[in-house]
C-alpha cells in the first residue's frame, strides 16, 4: 500500500466485511469482467490476481488459462483469502493463494499477466508495483480497474463517491486518475474511461528494464 494507506485499518475492516463483500460489490461485476478480458489470457499462461480479496476474479482467470495454466492470488486479509480459498477449489486450474502485501509478496513463478481489480491502495504504491513487476515476465500484460472521480464539475457525484468508498479505500491519493503511477511504469499504456463514468480499465505491458 502507499504511504497514505492504512494497512492495519484496512485488514481490520475486511475482517468484518469478508462474508458480505461479494454481495456489496455485485454491481461492479461487469467492469471486472472487462478487465479480465483485457488481459487476453491464453491457455497455459500464469496470471496474477493482485490483491485478490474474496477471489471473484480467480475463477474467471482460471477459465482462460485452463488446466495447463495457473493462477496466483495474494491478499493481506486472511478472512478475504478464506473466502477465496473456498471458491478456488472449483476454479478449473491450479490456484496458489498467498497472505501478503504487494510490497512483500514473493511469487512462486514469473507471471504472464497481472490483474489489479479494485485495488486502489495497491496501485498507488510504487514499492508494491516495483516488487510485482520485477517478478513478472518482460512484456507481461497488465490490466487495472477500479473507481475514479467523475469530471470535476460533477462535484455532487464526486462527493458521493468519496463518502461511499471510505469503506474500501484508505488512501484517496490521485482519485481523479488512479492509474497515473501505472502510466509511468508500463509500456503501451492506455486508459478506457470517460467524464460521465466512475469506472475505468487501464492496460499496458511490463517494461523489460522493470522486470
Protein backbone atom coordinates (compact mmCIF):
# COMPACT_ATOMS: atom_id res chain seq x y z
CA UNK A 1 0.00 0.00 0.00
CA UNK A 2 1.10 3.58 -0.50
CA UNK A 3 2.25 5.94 2.20
CA UNK A 4 -1.22 7.31 2.86
CA UNK A 5 -2.80 3.88 3.09
CA UNK A 6 -3.54 2.34 6.49
CA UNK A 7 -2.90 -1.41 6.23
CA UNK A 8 -3.89 -2.20 9.82
CA UNK A 9 -7.20 -0.38 9.47
CA UNK A 10 -7.89 -1.95 6.09
CA UNK A 11 -7.22 -5.51 7.27
CA UNK A 12 -9.38 -4.99 10.34
CA UNK A 13 -12.20 -3.64 8.20
CA UNK A 14 -12.07 -6.51 5.70
CA UNK A 15 -12.16 -8.98 8.57
CA UNK A 16 -15.75 -7.93 9.14
CA UNK A 17 -16.59 -7.27 5.50
CA UNK A 18 -15.35 -10.56 4.00
CA UNK A 19 -18.60 -12.59 4.35
CA UNK A 20 -20.64 -9.84 2.65
CA UNK A 21 -18.08 -8.38 0.25
CA UNK A 22 -19.34 -10.14 -2.90
CA UNK A 23 -22.90 -9.01 -2.22
CA UNK A 24 -21.90 -5.40 -1.61
CA UNK A 25 -19.75 -5.24 -4.75
CA UNK A 26 -22.02 -7.14 -7.16
CA UNK A 27 -22.67 -4.01 -9.25
CA UNK A 28 -19.03 -3.90 -10.41
CA UNK A 29 -19.00 -7.43 -11.80
CA UNK A 30 -19.32 -6.25 -15.41
CA UNK A 31 -16.31 -3.93 -15.27
CA UNK A 32 -14.27 -6.64 -13.55
CA UNK A 33 -15.11 -8.98 -16.42
CA UNK A 34 -13.91 -6.31 -18.85
CA UNK A 35 -10.58 -6.06 -17.05
CA UNK A 36 -10.12 -9.84 -17.10
CA UNK A 37 -10.92 -9.89 -20.82
CA UNK A 38 -8.41 -7.08 -21.43
CA UNK A 39 -5.58 -9.37 -20.33
CA UNK A 40 -6.19 -11.59 -23.39
CA UNK A 41 -5.06 -14.67 -21.49
CA UNK A 42 -4.10 -17.83 -23.33
CA UNK A 43 -4.15 -21.48 -22.21
CA UNK A 44 -1.01 -22.44 -20.32
CA UNK A 45 -0.21 -18.96 -19.02
CA UNK A 46 0.19 -17.87 -15.41
CA UNK A 47 -1.98 -14.97 -14.24
CA UNK A 48 -1.65 -12.96 -11.04
CA UNK A 49 -4.68 -11.53 -9.24
CA UNK A 50 -3.01 -8.80 -7.17
CA UNK A 51 -4.98 -8.05 -4.02
CA UNK A 52 -7.41 -10.83 -4.92
CA UNK A 53 -9.77 -10.29 -1.99
CA UNK A 54 -12.52 -12.92 -1.95
CA UNK A 55 -11.31 -14.27 -5.29
CA UNK A 56 -14.21 -13.27 -7.54
CA UNK A 57 -11.78 -12.91 -10.46
CA UNK A 58 -9.81 -16.10 -9.75
CA UNK A 59 -12.33 -18.35 -11.43
CA UNK A 60 -12.52 -16.11 -14.49
CA UNK A 61 -8.74 -16.07 -14.80
CA UNK A 62 -8.56 -19.85 -14.32
CA UNK A 63 -11.13 -20.46 -17.05
CA UNK A 64 -8.96 -18.55 -19.51
CA UNK A 65 -5.60 -20.16 -18.70
CA UNK A 66 -7.10 -23.65 -18.45
CA UNK A 67 -5.77 -26.76 -16.76
CA UNK A 68 -2.36 -26.27 -18.33
CA UNK A 69 -2.05 -22.80 -16.81
CA UNK A 70 -2.11 -21.45 -13.27
CA UNK A 71 -3.39 -18.51 -11.23
CA UNK A 72 -1.71 -16.81 -8.27
CA UNK A 73 -3.56 -14.58 -5.87
CA UNK A 74 -2.43 -12.67 -2.81
CA UNK A 75 -4.13 -10.50 -0.21
CA UNK A 76 -3.18 -9.25 3.27
CA UNK A 77 -6.57 -10.21 4.73
CA UNK A 78 -6.80 -13.83 5.96
CA UNK A 79 -10.59 -13.57 6.10
CA UNK A 80 -10.85 -12.49 2.46
CA UNK A 81 -8.41 -15.24 1.47
CA UNK A 82 -10.55 -17.77 3.32
CA UNK A 83 -13.45 -16.98 1.01
CA UNK A 84 -11.11 -17.05 -2.00
CA UNK A 85 -9.80 -20.47 -0.97
CA UNK A 86 -13.29 -21.95 -0.96
CA UNK A 87 -14.15 -20.68 -4.43
CA UNK A 88 -10.75 -21.56 -5.91
CA UNK A 89 -11.37 -25.24 -5.20
CA UNK A 90 -13.56 -25.37 -8.31
CA UNK A 91 -11.58 -22.87 -10.39
CA UNK A 92 -10.57 -25.34 -13.11
CA UNK A 93 -6.86 -24.52 -12.97
CA UNK A 94 -4.21 -24.69 -10.24
CA UNK A 95 -4.64 -21.69 -7.93
CA UNK A 96 -1.98 -20.58 -5.43
CA UNK A 97 -3.04 -18.17 -2.69
CA UNK A 98 -0.63 -16.17 -0.54
CA UNK A 99 -1.27 -13.99 2.51
CA UNK A 100 0.93 -10.98 1.86
CA UNK A 101 1.06 -7.32 0.88
CA UNK A 102 2.11 -6.12 -2.53
CA UNK A 103 5.37 -4.79 -1.13
CA UNK A 104 6.36 -8.11 0.43
CA UNK A 105 4.82 -10.89 -1.64
CA UNK A 106 7.15 -13.46 -3.22
CA UNK A 107 5.55 -15.18 -6.18
CA UNK A 108 6.23 -18.88 -6.82
CA UNK A 109 6.88 -18.20 -10.52
CA UNK A 110 7.12 -15.40 -13.05
CA UNK A 111 3.73 -14.35 -14.38
CA UNK A 112 2.46 -13.61 -17.88
CA UNK A 113 -0.27 -11.21 -16.79
CA UNK A 114 -1.29 -9.15 -13.76
CA UNK A 115 -4.78 -8.06 -12.79
CA UNK A 116 -5.45 -5.17 -10.40
CA UNK A 117 -9.17 -5.30 -9.69
CA UNK A 118 -10.38 -2.65 -7.26
CA UNK A 119 -7.03 -2.31 -5.53
CA UNK A 120 -6.66 1.48 -5.43
CA UNK A 121 -4.30 1.50 -2.44
CA UNK A 122 -2.10 -1.09 -4.14
CA UNK A 123 -1.68 0.71 -7.46
CA UNK A 124 -0.80 3.92 -5.61
CA UNK A 125 2.26 2.23 -4.06
CA UNK A 126 5.43 2.46 -6.17
CA UNK A 127 7.14 -0.03 -3.85
CA UNK A 128 4.41 -2.62 -4.38
CA UNK A 129 4.31 -2.13 -8.14
CA UNK A 130 8.09 -2.39 -8.46
CA UNK A 131 8.04 -5.62 -6.45
CA UNK A 132 5.31 -7.16 -8.58
CA UNK A 133 6.67 -6.05 -11.95
CA UNK A 134 10.12 -7.37 -11.03
CA UNK A 135 8.54 -10.82 -10.68
CA UNK A 136 6.69 -10.66 -13.99
CA UNK A 137 7.95 -11.71 -17.38
CA UNK A 138 9.18 -8.85 -19.58
CA UNK A 139 6.23 -7.66 -21.60
CA UNK A 140 3.73 -9.20 -19.18
CA UNK A 141 0.25 -7.80 -19.77
CA UNK A 142 -1.34 -5.65 -17.06
CA UNK A 143 -4.97 -4.61 -16.60
CA UNK A 144 -6.34 -2.45 -13.81
CA UNK A 145 -9.86 -1.41 -12.98
CA UNK A 146 -11.45 0.46 -10.08
CA UNK A 147 -13.31 3.64 -9.27
CA UNK A 148 -12.21 7.14 -10.24
CA UNK A 149 -13.85 10.54 -9.89
CA UNK A 150 -16.23 11.94 -12.46
CA UNK A 151 -15.37 15.21 -14.22
CA UNK A 152 -14.62 17.97 -11.68
CA UNK A 153 -17.79 19.88 -12.43
CA UNK A 154 -19.84 16.88 -11.32
CA UNK A 155 -18.82 17.65 -7.73
CA UNK A 156 -22.01 16.32 -6.04
CA UNK A 157 -21.37 12.89 -7.59
CA UNK A 158 -17.71 13.05 -6.60
CA UNK A 159 -18.62 13.88 -3.02
CA UNK A 160 -20.88 10.81 -3.01
CA UNK A 161 -18.07 8.61 -4.35
CA UNK A 162 -15.67 9.71 -1.64
CA UNK A 163 -18.23 9.04 1.09
CA UNK A 164 -19.33 5.64 -0.19
CA UNK A 165 -15.79 4.39 -0.91
CA UNK A 166 -14.35 5.11 2.53
CA UNK A 167 -15.18 1.51 3.40
CA UNK A 168 -12.90 0.20 0.65
CA UNK A 169 -10.15 2.79 0.16
CA UNK A 170 -7.87 4.16 2.87
CA UNK A 171 -5.90 6.46 0.57
CA UNK A 172 -7.67 8.80 -1.88
CA UNK A 173 -4.41 9.94 -3.45
CA UNK A 174 -4.93 10.73 -7.17
CA UNK A 175 -8.54 9.53 -7.06
CA UNK A 176 -9.18 11.61 -10.18
CA UNK A 177 -6.63 9.50 -12.10
CA UNK A 178 -5.75 6.39 -10.06
CA UNK A 179 -3.77 4.94 -12.98
CA UNK A 180 -1.22 7.79 -13.10
CA UNK A 181 1.56 5.80 -11.39
CA UNK A 182 0.98 2.78 -13.61
CA UNK A 183 1.25 5.07 -16.63
CA UNK A 184 4.85 5.92 -15.71
CA UNK A 185 5.87 2.27 -15.30
CA UNK A 186 4.23 0.45 -18.22
CA UNK A 187 4.66 0.42 -21.99
CA UNK A 188 1.75 0.62 -24.45
CA UNK A 189 -0.34 2.24 -21.72
CA UNK A 190 -3.99 3.01 -22.43
CA UNK A 191 -6.98 4.04 -20.32
CA UNK A 192 -10.59 3.45 -21.30
CA UNK A 193 -12.91 5.75 -19.35
CA UNK A 194 -14.89 8.99 -19.67
CA UNK A 195 -16.09 12.07 -17.73
CA UNK A 196 -19.52 10.60 -17.04
CA UNK A 197 -18.38 7.26 -15.62
CA UNK A 198 -16.79 6.31 -12.31
CA UNK A 199 -15.12 3.24 -13.84
CA UNK A 200 -12.00 2.72 -15.93
CA UNK A 201 -9.92 -0.06 -17.43
CA UNK A 202 -6.20 0.69 -17.81
CA UNK A 203 -3.88 -1.61 -19.74
CA UNK A 204 -0.17 -1.83 -20.51
CA UNK A 205 2.89 -4.07 -20.57
CA UNK A 206 5.69 -4.52 -18.05
CA UNK A 207 8.90 -2.94 -19.29
CA UNK A 208 11.94 -5.13 -19.72
CA UNK A 209 14.07 -2.87 -17.54
CA UNK A 210 11.47 -3.00 -14.75
CA UNK A 211 11.14 -6.77 -14.80
